[in-house]
Amino acid sequence: MAADITILCTQINERYADWILSAQITLNELTINVKSEHLLALCRELRDQPEFDFKCLIDVCGVDYLQYGLAQWETESATESGFSRGLSLKPLREAAPKPNRFAVVYHLLSLTNNQRVRLKVNIPDEKELMVDSVMELWPAANWFEREAFDLFGILFKGHPDLRRLLTDYGFVGHPFRKDFPLIGKVEARYDAKLKRVVYEPVSIEPRILEPKVIRHDNRYLVDKENGHAK
C-alpha cells in the first residue's frame, strides 16, 4: 500500500505540477495542496482519468487555523494529581506558520484502485471566503458544502442552494470558527408576559473547562511495589 501511495503521489506531481502547491505523504496518507483556481480542473481529472478513478467523494470540511499550534492544556506532562496542574492561560508553544487562516479539505476514494487522497485548498482572502463548488462533479457535496458554509462561513461558488444547514433561522455568526465563543452569543427563554420566546445576550461567564478528577477510586490506586493497579 505504501508503494501505491508513493506512485500515486509521483503521478499527480508530474502531471499536474502547475496546479498544485505541494504533495506530501504522512502516515501513509497522501495530501495534495491545490491552487484554488485549479481545484475543479484537478478534481475532474482525478475523477475521470482511469488510472485515478476517484469517483467517490467521502467528505468536504472547513478548517480554521486561527491559533494553530497553541493550547491551554499541557496533557502530556499532567499527572494523576489533577488536570488543573496542566491548565495555562498562556500559549504553551509557538504556533506553526500557516499561509492562510481558512482552508477547505476534500477526501476522495477510488474503489477501483482501493486508494484515497486528500485535497486541501487554502483560501487567501479572509474578507471573501470563496472556493468553487464541486457539486457538478460529485452531487454528494451538496450538504457537505452547506455545512461548511454554515459552520465556517465559507462560500462555494456555483452551489445551487447554499443555505445554513445545522443552525437556526436568523443565527448570527459561524460556530466552528475558533474566535466564536463556546458559550455562544445569545440565549433563548420564554417570556410569560410577552408570551413568546425572546433572545438575550448570553449570561454565562466564559471560563476554561477543567475535567472532573475522581481522586479516591481503587481503579487509579497503584501498587508501588508491583507497579500496577491494585
C-alpha atoms as a PDB file:
ATOM      1  CA  MET A   1       0.000   0.000   0.000  1.00  0.00           C
ATOM      2  CA  ALA A   2       2.832   2.398   0.814  1.00  0.00           C
ATOM      3  CA  ALA A   3       4.325   1.817  -2.632  1.00  0.00           C
ATOM      4  CA  ASP A   4       0.953   2.518  -4.287  1.00  0.00           C
ATOM      5  CA  ILE A   5       0.622   5.830  -2.437  1.00  0.00           C
ATOM      6  CA  THR A   6       4.146   6.816  -3.497  1.00  0.00           C
ATOM      7  CA  ILE A   7       3.371   6.007  -7.133  1.00  0.00           C
ATOM      8  CA  LEU A   8       0.128   7.984  -6.957  1.00  0.00           C
ATOM      9  CA  CYS A   9       1.941  10.961  -5.449  1.00  0.00           C
ATOM     10  CA  THR A  10       4.574  10.853  -8.201  1.00  0.00           C
ATOM     11  CA  GLN A  11       1.965  10.635 -10.955  1.00  0.00           C
ATOM     12  CA  ILE A  12       0.000  13.620  -9.680  1.00  0.00           C
ATOM     13  CA  ASN A  13       3.157  15.648  -9.110  1.00  0.00           C
ATOM     14  CA  GLU A  14       4.484  15.017 -12.604  1.00  0.00           C
ATOM     15  CA  ARG A  15       1.220  15.530 -14.467  1.00  0.00           C
ATOM     16  CA  TYR A  16      -0.319  18.440 -12.570  1.00  0.00           C
ATOM     17  CA  ALA A  17       2.689  20.286 -11.164  1.00  0.00           C
ATOM     18  CA  ASP A  18       1.310  23.661 -12.320  1.00  0.00           C
ATOM     19  CA  TRP A  19      -1.982  23.090 -10.488  1.00  0.00           C
ATOM     20  CA  ILE A  20      -0.693  22.157  -7.063  1.00  0.00           C
ATOM     21  CA  LEU A  21       1.427  23.792  -4.382  1.00  0.00           C
ATOM     22  CA  SER A  22       2.691  20.630  -2.715  1.00  0.00           C
ATOM     23  CA  ALA A  23       2.106  16.913  -2.340  1.00  0.00           C
ATOM     24  CA  GLN A  24       3.208  15.015   0.734  1.00  0.00           C
ATOM     25  CA  ILE A  25       2.756  11.597   2.292  1.00  0.00           C
ATOM     26  CA  THR A  26       2.308  11.400   6.066  1.00  0.00           C
ATOM     27  CA  LEU A  27       1.292   8.232   7.930  1.00  0.00           C
ATOM     28  CA  ASN A  28       0.724   6.546   4.576  1.00  0.00           C
ATOM     29  CA  GLU A  29      -1.826   9.208   3.566  1.00  0.00           C
ATOM     30  CA  LEU A  30      -1.426  11.492   0.551  1.00  0.00           C
ATOM     31  CA  THR A  31      -2.329  15.177   0.906  1.00  0.00           C
ATOM     32  CA  ILE A  32      -2.381  17.464  -2.139  1.00  0.00           C
ATOM     33  CA  ASN A  33      -2.362  21.239  -1.631  1.00  0.00           C
ATOM     34  CA  VAL A  34      -4.245  22.586  -4.648  1.00  0.00           C
ATOM     35  CA  LYS A  35      -4.232  26.092  -6.084  1.00  0.00           C
ATOM     36  CA  SER A  36      -7.786  27.369  -5.675  1.00  0.00           C
ATOM     37  CA  GLU A  37      -8.130  28.400  -9.325  1.00  0.00           C
ATOM     38  CA  HIS A  38      -7.327  24.844 -10.454  1.00  0.00           C
ATOM     39  CA  LEU A  39      -9.485  22.945  -7.956  1.00  0.00           C
ATOM     40  CA  LEU A  40     -12.273  21.973 -10.366  1.00  0.00           C
ATOM     41  CA  ALA A  41      -9.870  21.006 -13.126  1.00  0.00           C
ATOM     42  CA  LEU A  42      -7.826  18.751 -10.848  1.00  0.00           C
ATOM     43  CA  CYS A  43     -10.939  17.179  -9.319  1.00  0.00           C
ATOM     44  CA  ARG A  44     -12.291  16.420 -12.786  1.00  0.00           C
ATOM     45  CA  GLU A  45      -9.025  14.792 -13.816  1.00  0.00           C
ATOM     46  CA  LEU A  46      -8.837  12.696 -10.654  1.00  0.00           C
ATOM     47  CA  ARG A  47     -12.427  11.562 -11.176  1.00  0.00           C
ATOM     48  CA  ASP A  48     -12.344  10.836 -14.927  1.00  0.00           C
ATOM     49  CA  GLN A  49      -8.848   9.541 -15.653  1.00  0.00           C
ATOM     50  CA  PRO A  50      -8.935   5.710 -15.383  1.00  0.00           C
ATOM     51  CA  GLU A  51      -5.548   5.500 -13.642  1.00  0.00           C
ATOM     52  CA  PHE A  52      -7.008   7.594 -10.794  1.00  0.00           C
ATOM     53  CA  ASP A  53     -10.774   6.936 -10.907  1.00  0.00           C
ATOM     54  CA  PHE A  54     -11.687   8.846  -7.739  1.00  0.00           C
ATOM     55  CA  LYS A  55     -15.421   8.665  -8.316  1.00  0.00           C
ATOM     56  CA  CYS A  56     -16.412   8.779  -4.623  1.00  0.00           C
ATOM     57  CA  LEU A  57     -16.424  11.986  -2.618  1.00  0.00           C
ATOM     58  CA  ILE A  58     -16.222  10.973   1.036  1.00  0.00           C
ATOM     59  CA  ASP A  59     -16.216  14.340   2.758  1.00  0.00           C
ATOM     60  CA  VAL A  60     -15.820  18.100   2.408  1.00  0.00           C
ATOM     61  CA  CYS A  61     -14.996  20.133   5.503  1.00  0.00           C
ATOM     62  CA  GLY A  62     -13.745  23.549   6.510  1.00  0.00           C
ATOM     63  CA  VAL A  63     -10.676  24.265   8.641  1.00  0.00           C
ATOM     64  CA  ASP A  64      -9.857  27.312  10.759  1.00  0.00           C
ATOM     65  CA  TYR A  65      -6.136  27.638  11.560  1.00  0.00           C
ATOM     66  CA  LEU A  66      -6.572  30.544  13.973  1.00  0.00           C
ATOM     67  CA  GLN A  67      -4.289  29.924  16.987  1.00  0.00           C
ATOM     68  CA  TYR A  68      -2.917  26.832  15.264  1.00  0.00           C
ATOM     69  CA  GLY A  69      -0.292  25.193  17.460  1.00  0.00           C
ATOM     70  CA  LEU A  70      -1.433  26.908  20.655  1.00  0.00           C
ATOM     71  CA  ALA A  71      -3.031  25.155  23.605  1.00  0.00           C
ATOM     72  CA  GLN A  72      -4.364  25.876  27.079  1.00  0.00           C
ATOM     73  CA  TRP A  73      -3.636  22.368  28.359  1.00  0.00           C
ATOM     74  CA  GLU A  74      -0.384  20.503  28.824  1.00  0.00           C
ATOM     75  CA  THR A  75      -1.783  16.991  28.594  1.00  0.00           C
ATOM     76  CA  GLU A  76       1.444  15.033  28.211  1.00  0.00           C
ATOM     77  CA  SER A  77       3.023  16.185  31.462  1.00  0.00           C
ATOM     78  CA  ALA A  78      -0.173  16.375  33.557  1.00  0.00           C
ATOM     79  CA  THR A  79      -0.070  13.820  36.375  1.00  0.00           C
ATOM     80  CA  GLU A  80      -2.567  11.866  38.442  1.00  0.00           C
ATOM     81  CA  SER A  81      -2.539  14.720  40.950  1.00  0.00           C
ATOM     82  CA  GLY A  82      -5.035  16.592  38.769  1.00  0.00           C
ATOM     83  CA  PHE A  83      -5.518  18.027  35.314  1.00  0.00           C
ATOM     84  CA  SER A  84      -5.699  21.528  36.766  1.00  0.00           C
ATOM     85  CA  ARG A  85      -1.917  21.438  37.002  1.00  0.00           C
ATOM     86  CA  GLY A  86      -1.815  21.392  33.230  1.00  0.00           C
ATOM     87  CA  LEU A  87      -4.009  24.464  32.901  1.00  0.00           C
ATOM     88  CA  SER A  88      -2.268  27.507  31.482  1.00  0.00           C
ATOM     89  CA  LEU A  89      -3.811  30.687  30.151  1.00  0.00           C
ATOM     90  CA  LYS A  90      -0.701  31.385  28.067  1.00  0.00           C
ATOM     91  CA  PRO A  91       0.417  29.644  24.863  1.00  0.00           C
ATOM     92  CA  LEU A  92       2.479  26.564  25.609  1.00  0.00           C
ATOM     93  CA  ARG A  93       4.385  26.620  22.330  1.00  0.00           C
ATOM     94  CA  GLU A  94       4.816  28.798  19.304  1.00  0.00           C
ATOM     95  CA  ALA A  95       2.237  28.421  16.582  1.00  0.00           C
ATOM     96  CA  ALA A  96       3.441  26.819  13.367  1.00  0.00           C
ATOM     97  CA  PRO A  97       3.229  29.327  10.492  1.00  0.00           C
ATOM     98  CA  LYS A  98       0.227  28.899   8.196  1.00  0.00           C
ATOM     99  CA  PRO A  99      -0.203  30.654   4.838  1.00  0.00           C
ATOM    100  CA  ASN A 100      -3.911  31.314   5.379  1.00  0.00           C
ATOM    101  CA  ARG A 101      -6.413  31.106   8.201  1.00  0.00           C
ATOM    102  CA  PHE A 102      -9.125  29.144   6.383  1.00  0.00           C
ATOM    103  CA  ALA A 103      -8.982  26.081   4.154  1.00  0.00           C
ATOM    104  CA  VAL A 104     -11.319  23.519   2.617  1.00  0.00           C
ATOM    105  CA  VAL A 105     -10.401  19.825   2.684  1.00  0.00           C
ATOM    106  CA  TYR A 106     -11.755  17.139   0.328  1.00  0.00           C
ATOM    107  CA  HIS A 107     -11.434  13.371   0.831  1.00  0.00           C
ATOM    108  CA  LEU A 108     -11.697  11.226  -2.298  1.00  0.00           C
ATOM    109  CA  LEU A 109     -11.928   7.451  -2.677  1.00  0.00           C
ATOM    110  CA  SER A 110     -11.188   5.215  -5.655  1.00  0.00           C
ATOM    111  CA  LEU A 111     -12.957   1.881  -5.257  1.00  0.00           C
ATOM    112  CA  THR A 112     -11.321   0.582  -8.424  1.00  0.00           C
ATOM    113  CA  ASN A 113      -7.774   1.191  -7.187  1.00  0.00           C
ATOM    114  CA  ASN A 114      -8.522   0.988  -3.452  1.00  0.00           C
ATOM    115  CA  GLN A 115      -6.858   4.349  -2.868  1.00  0.00           C
ATOM    116  CA  ARG A 116      -7.663   7.544  -1.007  1.00  0.00           C
ATOM    117  CA  VAL A 117      -6.403  11.083  -1.481  1.00  0.00           C
ATOM    118  CA  ARG A 118      -6.891  14.294   0.478  1.00  0.00           C
ATOM    119  CA  LEU A 119      -7.108  17.624  -1.344  1.00  0.00           C
ATOM    120  CA  LYS A 120      -6.644  20.889   0.541  1.00  0.00           C
ATOM    121  CA  VAL A 121      -7.361  24.378  -0.746  1.00  0.00           C
ATOM    122  CA  ASN A 122      -6.109  27.374   1.211  1.00  0.00           C
ATOM    123  CA  ILE A 123      -8.351  30.440   0.962  1.00  0.00           C
ATOM    124  CA  PRO A 124      -6.142  33.529   0.587  1.00  0.00           C
ATOM    125  CA  ASP A 125      -8.765  36.249   1.131  1.00  0.00           C
ATOM    126  CA  GLU A 126     -10.365  36.308   4.598  1.00  0.00           C
ATOM    127  CA  LYS A 127     -12.792  39.043   3.526  1.00  0.00           C
ATOM    128  CA  GLU A 128     -14.276  36.861   0.778  1.00  0.00           C
ATOM    129  CA  LEU A 129     -14.059  33.207   1.751  1.00  0.00           C
ATOM    130  CA  MET A 130     -14.959  31.551  -1.540  1.00  0.00           C
ATOM    131  CA  VAL A 131     -13.969  28.432  -3.457  1.00  0.00           C
ATOM    132  CA  ASP A 132     -15.598  26.656  -6.384  1.00  0.00           C
ATOM    133  CA  SER A 133     -18.343  24.171  -5.624  1.00  0.00           C
ATOM    134  CA  VAL A 134     -17.621  20.586  -6.692  1.00  0.00           C
ATOM    135  CA  MET A 135     -21.305  19.669  -6.891  1.00  0.00           C
ATOM    136  CA  GLU A 136     -21.173  19.407 -10.681  1.00  0.00           C
ATOM    137  CA  LEU A 137     -18.631  16.606 -10.246  1.00  0.00           C
ATOM    138  CA  TRP A 138     -19.986  14.969  -7.084  1.00  0.00           C
ATOM    139  CA  PRO A 139     -23.609  15.815  -6.184  1.00  0.00           C
ATOM    140  CA  ALA A 140     -22.897  14.370  -2.723  1.00  0.00           C
ATOM    141  CA  ALA A 141     -21.042  17.615  -1.977  1.00  0.00           C
ATOM    142  CA  ASN A 142     -24.383  19.409  -1.536  1.00  0.00           C
ATOM    143  CA  TRP A 143     -24.831  19.055   2.221  1.00  0.00           C
ATOM    144  CA  PHE A 144     -21.095  18.978   2.931  1.00  0.00           C
ATOM    145  CA  GLU A 145     -20.672  22.407   1.367  1.00  0.00           C
ATOM    146  CA  ARG A 146     -23.771  23.756   3.094  1.00  0.00           C
ATOM    147  CA  GLU A 147     -22.351  22.547   6.409  1.00  0.00           C
ATOM    148  CA  ALA A 148     -19.002  24.271   5.775  1.00  0.00           C
ATOM    149  CA  PHE A 149     -20.869  27.457   4.847  1.00  0.00           C
ATOM    150  CA  ASP A 150     -22.995  27.281   7.976  1.00  0.00           C
ATOM    151  CA  LEU A 151     -20.241  26.494  10.471  1.00  0.00           C
ATOM    152  CA  PHE A 152     -17.278  28.372   8.936  1.00  0.00           C
ATOM    153  CA  GLY A 153     -18.834  30.986   6.649  1.00  0.00           C
ATOM    154  CA  ILE A 154     -17.088  29.622   3.542  1.00  0.00           C
ATOM    155  CA  LEU A 155     -18.915  30.353   0.269  1.00  0.00           C
ATOM    156  CA  PHE A 156     -18.996  27.830  -2.576  1.00  0.00           C
ATOM    157  CA  LYS A 157     -19.254  29.440  -5.986  1.00  0.00           C
ATOM    158  CA  GLY A 158     -21.801  27.686  -8.189  1.00  0.00           C
ATOM    159  CA  HIS A 159     -23.668  25.911  -5.409  1.00  0.00           C
ATOM    160  CA  PRO A 160     -27.361  25.943  -6.397  1.00  0.00           C
ATOM    161  CA  ASP A 161     -28.838  26.197  -2.896  1.00  0.00           C
ATOM    162  CA  LEU A 162     -26.301  27.476  -0.381  1.00  0.00           C
ATOM    163  CA  ARG A 163     -28.245  27.823   2.878  1.00  0.00           C
ATOM    164  CA  ARG A 164     -27.500  27.179   6.527  1.00  0.00           C
ATOM    165  CA  LEU A 165     -27.917  23.527   7.424  1.00  0.00           C
ATOM    166  CA  LEU A 166     -27.411  22.988  11.168  1.00  0.00           C
ATOM    167  CA  THR A 167     -28.068  26.322  12.872  1.00  0.00           C
ATOM    168  CA  ASP A 168     -31.427  28.028  13.350  1.00  0.00           C
ATOM    169  CA  TYR A 169     -33.022  30.636  11.094  1.00  0.00           C
ATOM    170  CA  GLY A 170     -31.561  34.052  11.830  1.00  0.00           C
ATOM    171  CA  PHE A 171     -28.473  32.608  13.549  1.00  0.00           C
ATOM    172  CA  VAL A 172     -25.640  35.138  13.675  1.00  0.00           C
ATOM    173  CA  GLY A 173     -22.053  34.003  13.224  1.00  0.00           C
ATOM    174  CA  HIS A 174     -20.352  30.720  12.381  1.00  0.00           C
ATOM    175  CA  PRO A 175     -19.905  28.460  15.434  1.00  0.00           C
ATOM    176  CA  PHE A 176     -16.908  26.413  14.221  1.00  0.00           C
ATOM    177  CA  ARG A 177     -14.696  29.455  13.850  1.00  0.00           C
ATOM    178  CA  LYS A 178     -12.054  29.488  16.554  1.00  0.00           C
ATOM    179  CA  ASP A 179     -12.967  33.012  17.662  1.00  0.00           C
ATOM    180  CA  PHE A 180     -16.643  32.095  18.172  1.00  0.00           C
ATOM    181  CA  PRO A 181     -17.253  31.777  21.959  1.00  0.00           C
ATOM    182  CA  LEU A 182     -18.015  28.278  23.266  1.00  0.00           C
ATOM    183  CA  ILE A 183     -20.886  29.678  25.322  1.00  0.00           C
ATOM    184  CA  GLY A 184     -22.414  31.299  22.236  1.00  0.00           C
ATOM    185  CA  LYS A 185     -23.533  34.895  21.911  1.00  0.00           C
ATOM    186  CA  VAL A 186     -27.253  34.757  22.744  1.00  0.00           C
ATOM    187  CA  GLU A 187     -29.566  32.616  24.848  1.00  0.00           C
ATOM    188  CA  ALA A 188     -33.281  31.959  24.445  1.00  0.00           C
ATOM    189  CA  ARG A 189     -36.002  31.900  27.072  1.00  0.00           C
ATOM    190  CA  TYR A 190     -39.788  32.055  27.149  1.00  0.00           C
ATOM    191  CA  ASP A 191     -41.158  35.376  28.375  1.00  0.00           C
ATOM    192  CA  ALA A 192     -44.501  34.823  30.127  1.00  0.00           C
ATOM    193  CA  LYS A 193     -45.505  38.478  29.837  1.00  0.00           C
ATOM    194  CA  LEU A 194     -44.745  38.744  26.144  1.00  0.00           C
ATOM    195  CA  LYS A 195     -45.949  35.168  25.596  1.00  0.00           C
ATOM    196  CA  ARG A 196     -43.144  34.398  23.189  1.00  0.00           C
ATOM    197  CA  VAL A 197     -39.533  33.270  23.062  1.00  0.00           C
ATOM    198  CA  VAL A 198     -37.023  36.096  23.438  1.00  0.00           C
ATOM    199  CA  TYR A 199     -33.299  36.182  22.696  1.00  0.00           C
ATOM    200  CA  GLU A 200     -30.898  37.919  25.068  1.00  0.00           C
ATOM    201  CA  PRO A 201     -27.111  38.227  25.405  1.00  0.00           C
ATOM    202  CA  VAL A 202     -25.709  35.088  26.972  1.00  0.00           C
ATOM    203  CA  SER A 203     -25.391  35.319  30.769  1.00  0.00           C
ATOM    204  CA  ILE A 204     -22.783  32.568  31.246  1.00  0.00           C
ATOM    205  CA  GLU A 205     -19.271  33.776  32.021  1.00  0.00           C
ATOM    206  CA  PRO A 206     -16.573  32.261  29.775  1.00  0.00           C
ATOM    207  CA  ARG A 207     -14.049  30.025  31.546  1.00  0.00           C
ATOM    208  CA  ILE A 208     -11.580  27.255  30.853  1.00  0.00           C
ATOM    209  CA  LEU A 209     -13.215  23.880  31.391  1.00  0.00           C
ATOM    210  CA  GLU A 210     -11.449  21.573  33.833  1.00  0.00           C
ATOM    211  CA  PRO A 211     -12.184  17.835  33.705  1.00  0.00           C
ATOM    212  CA  LYS A 212     -13.534  16.370  36.936  1.00  0.00           C
ATOM    213  CA  VAL A 213     -10.920  14.139  38.558  1.00  0.00           C
ATOM    214  CA  ILE A 214     -12.031  11.415  40.985  1.00  0.00           C
ATOM    215  CA  ARG A 215      -9.050  11.080  43.329  1.00  0.00           C
ATOM    216  CA  HIS A 216     -10.279   8.288  45.616  1.00  0.00           C
ATOM    217  CA  ASP A 217     -11.075   5.422  43.287  1.00  0.00           C
ATOM    218  CA  ASN A 218      -9.447   1.997  43.522  1.00  0.00           C
ATOM    219  CA  ARG A 219      -9.104   1.907  39.728  1.00  0.00           C
ATOM    220  CA  TYR A 220      -6.477   4.654  39.989  1.00  0.00           C
ATOM    221  CA  LEU A 221      -4.616   3.400  43.061  1.00  0.00           C
ATOM    222  CA  VAL A 222      -1.247   1.990  42.080  1.00  0.00           C
ATOM    223  CA  ASP A 223       0.597  -0.744  43.912  1.00  0.00           C
ATOM    224  CA  LYS A 224       4.052   0.872  44.125  1.00  0.00           C
ATOM    225  CA  GLU A 225       5.811  -2.428  44.858  1.00  0.00           C
ATOM    226  CA  ASN A 226       4.461  -4.253  41.811  1.00  0.00           C
ATOM    227  CA  GLY A 227       3.920  -1.215  39.586  1.00  0.00           C
ATOM    228  CA  HIS A 228       0.325  -1.970  38.605  1.00  0.00           C
ATOM    229  CA  ALA A 229      -3.197  -1.081  39.670  1.00  0.00           C
ATOM    230  CA  LYS A 230      -4.495  -2.784  42.812  1.00  0.00           C
END
